[in-house]
Amino acid sequence: MTDKEKFELLLENKEIYRCFIDNDSVWFSKKEDIEKYSDYNNPPPYIEFSQYGYELLNEIFNALGIDSELV
C-alpha cells in the first residue's frame, strides 16, 4: 500500500482511526484497538507511513488535488 493509499484510507475513515505524529514517524490505529491495547509493551496494530515530513506532506497535498512537487 502506498503512502497515498494509506492517506486516502485514513481520510475516508477518519472517524475510525487516530493518527500519531512523532518526530521521525507517522502512523495510525483504529480507535477501538487503542482502547484494547492499553499496554505500551503490547501496542495496537497500526499502519505506518513509509515517508514522513515533507515527503508525506507532498503526498497529502497531491491526494487532496493540490498541485505540488518536491524541490
N, C-alpha and C. Protein backbone atom coordinates (compact mmCIF):
# COMPACT_ATOMS: atom_id res chain seq x y z
N MET A 1 0.85 -1.17 0.00
CA MET A 1 0.00 0.00 0.00
C MET A 1 0.90 1.24 0.00
N THR A 2 0.65 2.14 -0.91
CA THR A 2 1.44 3.37 -1.00
C THR A 2 1.02 4.36 0.08
N ASP A 3 1.86 5.35 0.32
CA ASP A 3 1.50 6.38 1.30
C ASP A 3 0.23 7.12 0.88
N LYS A 4 0.06 7.32 -0.42
CA LYS A 4 -1.14 7.98 -0.91
C LYS A 4 -2.37 7.14 -0.57
N GLU A 5 -2.29 5.82 -0.78
CA GLU A 5 -3.42 4.94 -0.46
C GLU A 5 -3.68 4.91 1.05
N LYS A 6 -2.61 4.93 1.84
CA LYS A 6 -2.77 4.97 3.30
C LYS A 6 -3.47 6.26 3.72
N PHE A 7 -3.06 7.38 3.14
CA PHE A 7 -3.68 8.66 3.48
C PHE A 7 -5.15 8.67 3.07
N GLU A 8 -5.45 8.14 1.89
CA GLU A 8 -6.84 8.10 1.44
C GLU A 8 -7.70 7.21 2.35
N LEU A 9 -7.14 6.08 2.82
CA LEU A 9 -7.83 5.22 3.77
C LEU A 9 -8.12 5.98 5.05
N LEU A 10 -7.12 6.70 5.56
CA LEU A 10 -7.29 7.49 6.77
C LEU A 10 -8.33 8.58 6.56
N LEU A 11 -8.27 9.25 5.45
CA LEU A 11 -9.20 10.35 5.15
C LEU A 11 -10.64 9.85 5.02
N GLU A 12 -10.82 8.71 4.39
CA GLU A 12 -12.16 8.15 4.20
C GLU A 12 -12.74 7.57 5.49
N ASN A 13 -11.88 7.25 6.44
CA ASN A 13 -12.32 6.61 7.69
C ASN A 13 -11.81 7.37 8.91
N LYS A 14 -11.78 8.68 8.82
CA LYS A 14 -11.17 9.48 9.89
C LYS A 14 -11.88 9.35 11.23
N GLU A 15 -13.14 8.93 11.23
CA GLU A 15 -13.85 8.75 12.50
C GLU A 15 -13.44 7.44 13.17
N ILE A 16 -12.84 6.53 12.43
CA ILE A 16 -12.46 5.22 12.96
C ILE A 16 -11.03 5.22 13.49
N TYR A 17 -10.16 6.03 12.88
CA TYR A 17 -8.73 5.99 13.18
C TYR A 17 -8.27 7.20 13.99
N ARG A 18 -7.17 7.00 14.71
CA ARG A 18 -6.48 8.10 15.38
C ARG A 18 -5.06 8.10 14.83
N CYS A 19 -4.56 9.27 14.50
CA CYS A 19 -3.24 9.41 13.90
C CYS A 19 -2.24 9.86 14.97
N PHE A 20 -1.04 9.32 14.91
CA PHE A 20 0.03 9.66 15.85
C PHE A 20 1.20 10.21 15.05
N ILE A 21 1.74 11.32 15.52
CA ILE A 21 2.82 12.00 14.81
C ILE A 21 4.00 12.16 15.76
N ASP A 22 5.11 11.56 15.38
CA ASP A 22 6.35 11.65 16.15
C ASP A 22 7.34 12.41 15.28
N ASN A 23 8.50 12.73 15.83
CA ASN A 23 9.46 13.48 15.03
C ASN A 23 10.08 12.66 13.91
N ASP A 24 9.97 11.32 13.99
CA ASP A 24 10.55 10.51 12.92
C ASP A 24 9.61 9.43 12.39
N SER A 25 8.31 9.55 12.65
CA SER A 25 7.35 8.62 12.07
C SER A 25 5.93 9.15 12.22
N VAL A 26 5.05 8.64 11.37
CA VAL A 26 3.63 8.98 11.41
C VAL A 26 2.88 7.67 11.18
N TRP A 27 1.93 7.36 12.06
CA TRP A 27 1.16 6.13 11.94
C TRP A 27 -0.25 6.35 12.46
N PHE A 28 -1.14 5.41 12.14
CA PHE A 28 -2.49 5.50 12.67
C PHE A 28 -3.01 4.12 13.03
N SER A 29 -3.93 4.11 14.00
CA SER A 29 -4.53 2.88 14.51
C SER A 29 -6.03 3.09 14.66
N LYS A 30 -6.76 1.99 14.65
CA LYS A 30 -8.18 2.07 14.91
C LYS A 30 -8.39 2.46 16.37
N LYS A 31 -9.32 3.37 16.60
CA LYS A 31 -9.59 3.84 17.96
C LYS A 31 -9.99 2.69 18.87
N GLU A 32 -10.77 1.75 18.35
CA GLU A 32 -11.21 0.62 19.19
C GLU A 32 -10.02 -0.26 19.58
N ASP A 33 -9.03 -0.37 18.71
CA ASP A 33 -7.83 -1.16 19.05
C ASP A 33 -6.99 -0.46 20.11
N ILE A 34 -6.95 0.86 20.06
CA ILE A 34 -6.18 1.62 21.04
C ILE A 34 -6.72 1.36 22.44
N GLU A 35 -8.04 1.30 22.56
CA GLU A 35 -8.66 1.04 23.86
C GLU A 35 -8.36 -0.37 24.35
N LYS A 36 -8.26 -1.32 23.45
CA LYS A 36 -7.99 -2.72 23.82
C LYS A 36 -6.55 -2.92 24.26
N TYR A 37 -5.63 -2.18 23.65
CA TYR A 37 -4.20 -2.36 23.91
C TYR A 37 -3.68 -1.16 24.70
N SER A 38 -3.93 -1.15 25.98
CA SER A 38 -3.50 0.00 26.79
C SER A 38 -2.06 -0.13 27.27
N ASP A 39 -1.44 -1.30 27.05
CA ASP A 39 -0.08 -1.55 27.48
C ASP A 39 0.89 -1.16 26.37
N TYR A 40 1.82 -0.25 26.66
CA TYR A 40 2.76 0.21 25.63
C TYR A 40 3.74 -0.88 25.21
N ASN A 41 3.89 -1.92 26.01
CA ASN A 41 4.75 -3.04 25.62
C ASN A 41 4.06 -3.93 24.60
N ASN A 42 2.76 -3.78 24.47
CA ASN A 42 1.96 -4.55 23.51
C ASN A 42 1.08 -3.56 22.74
N PRO A 43 1.66 -2.80 21.81
CA PRO A 43 0.91 -1.73 21.14
C PRO A 43 -0.16 -2.29 20.19
N PRO A 44 -1.15 -1.47 19.89
CA PRO A 44 -2.20 -1.90 18.96
C PRO A 44 -1.65 -2.02 17.54
N PRO A 45 -2.33 -2.80 16.70
CA PRO A 45 -1.93 -2.86 15.29
C PRO A 45 -2.01 -1.45 14.69
N TYR A 46 -1.10 -1.14 13.82
CA TYR A 46 -1.07 0.20 13.24
C TYR A 46 -0.62 0.14 11.79
N ILE A 47 -0.88 1.25 11.09
CA ILE A 47 -0.44 1.44 9.72
C ILE A 47 0.51 2.62 9.74
N GLU A 48 1.73 2.38 9.28
CA GLU A 48 2.74 3.43 9.32
C GLU A 48 3.03 3.94 7.91
N PHE A 49 3.18 5.24 7.80
CA PHE A 49 3.56 5.83 6.52
C PHE A 49 5.03 5.53 6.26
N SER A 50 5.38 5.27 5.01
CA SER A 50 6.77 4.99 4.65
C SER A 50 7.62 6.25 4.76
N GLN A 51 7.05 7.36 4.39
CA GLN A 51 7.74 8.65 4.43
C GLN A 51 7.07 9.53 5.49
N TYR A 52 7.75 10.53 5.91
CA TYR A 52 7.19 11.49 6.85
C TYR A 52 7.84 12.84 6.55
N GLY A 53 7.39 13.85 7.23
CA GLY A 53 7.92 15.18 6.98
C GLY A 53 7.45 15.72 5.65
N TYR A 54 8.33 16.35 4.92
CA TYR A 54 7.91 16.99 3.68
C TYR A 54 7.48 15.99 2.62
N GLU A 55 8.01 14.76 2.64
CA GLU A 55 7.56 13.75 1.68
C GLU A 55 6.08 13.42 1.89
N LEU A 56 5.70 13.21 3.15
CA LEU A 56 4.30 12.90 3.46
C LEU A 56 3.41 14.11 3.17
N LEU A 57 3.88 15.30 3.49
CA LEU A 57 3.09 16.50 3.21
C LEU A 57 2.82 16.63 1.71
N ASN A 58 3.79 16.32 0.88
CA ASN A 58 3.59 16.37 -0.56
C ASN A 58 2.55 15.33 -0.99
N GLU A 59 2.61 14.11 -0.42
CA GLU A 59 1.62 13.08 -0.73
C GLU A 59 0.21 13.53 -0.32
N ILE A 60 0.12 14.16 0.83
CA ILE A 60 -1.18 14.65 1.31
C ILE A 60 -1.71 15.73 0.36
N PHE A 61 -0.87 16.67 -0.01
CA PHE A 61 -1.30 17.71 -0.95
C PHE A 61 -1.77 17.10 -2.26
N ASN A 62 -1.00 16.16 -2.79
CA ASN A 62 -1.39 15.52 -4.05
C ASN A 62 -2.70 14.77 -3.91
N ALA A 63 -2.90 14.06 -2.80
CA ALA A 63 -4.15 13.32 -2.59
C ALA A 63 -5.34 14.26 -2.48
N LEU A 64 -5.10 15.47 -1.99
CA LEU A 64 -6.17 16.47 -1.88
C LEU A 64 -6.39 17.23 -3.20
N GLY A 65 -5.57 16.92 -4.20
CA GLY A 65 -5.74 17.56 -5.50
C GLY A 65 -4.99 18.88 -5.61
N ILE A 66 -4.07 19.14 -4.67
CA ILE A 66 -3.27 20.36 -4.72
C ILE A 66 -2.02 20.07 -5.54
N ASP A 67 -1.77 20.88 -6.54
CA ASP A 67 -0.62 20.70 -7.41
C ASP A 67 0.65 21.06 -6.65
N SER A 68 1.42 20.05 -6.26
CA SER A 68 2.65 20.30 -5.51
C SER A 68 3.73 19.33 -5.96
N GLU A 69 4.96 19.68 -5.69
CA GLU A 69 6.08 18.81 -6.00
C GLU A 69 7.22 19.11 -5.05
N LEU A 70 8.07 18.11 -4.84
CA LEU A 70 9.26 18.30 -4.01
C LEU A 70 10.31 19.01 -4.84
N VAL A 71 11.00 19.97 -4.24
CA VAL A 71 12.05 20.70 -4.95
C VAL A 71 13.35 20.63 -4.18
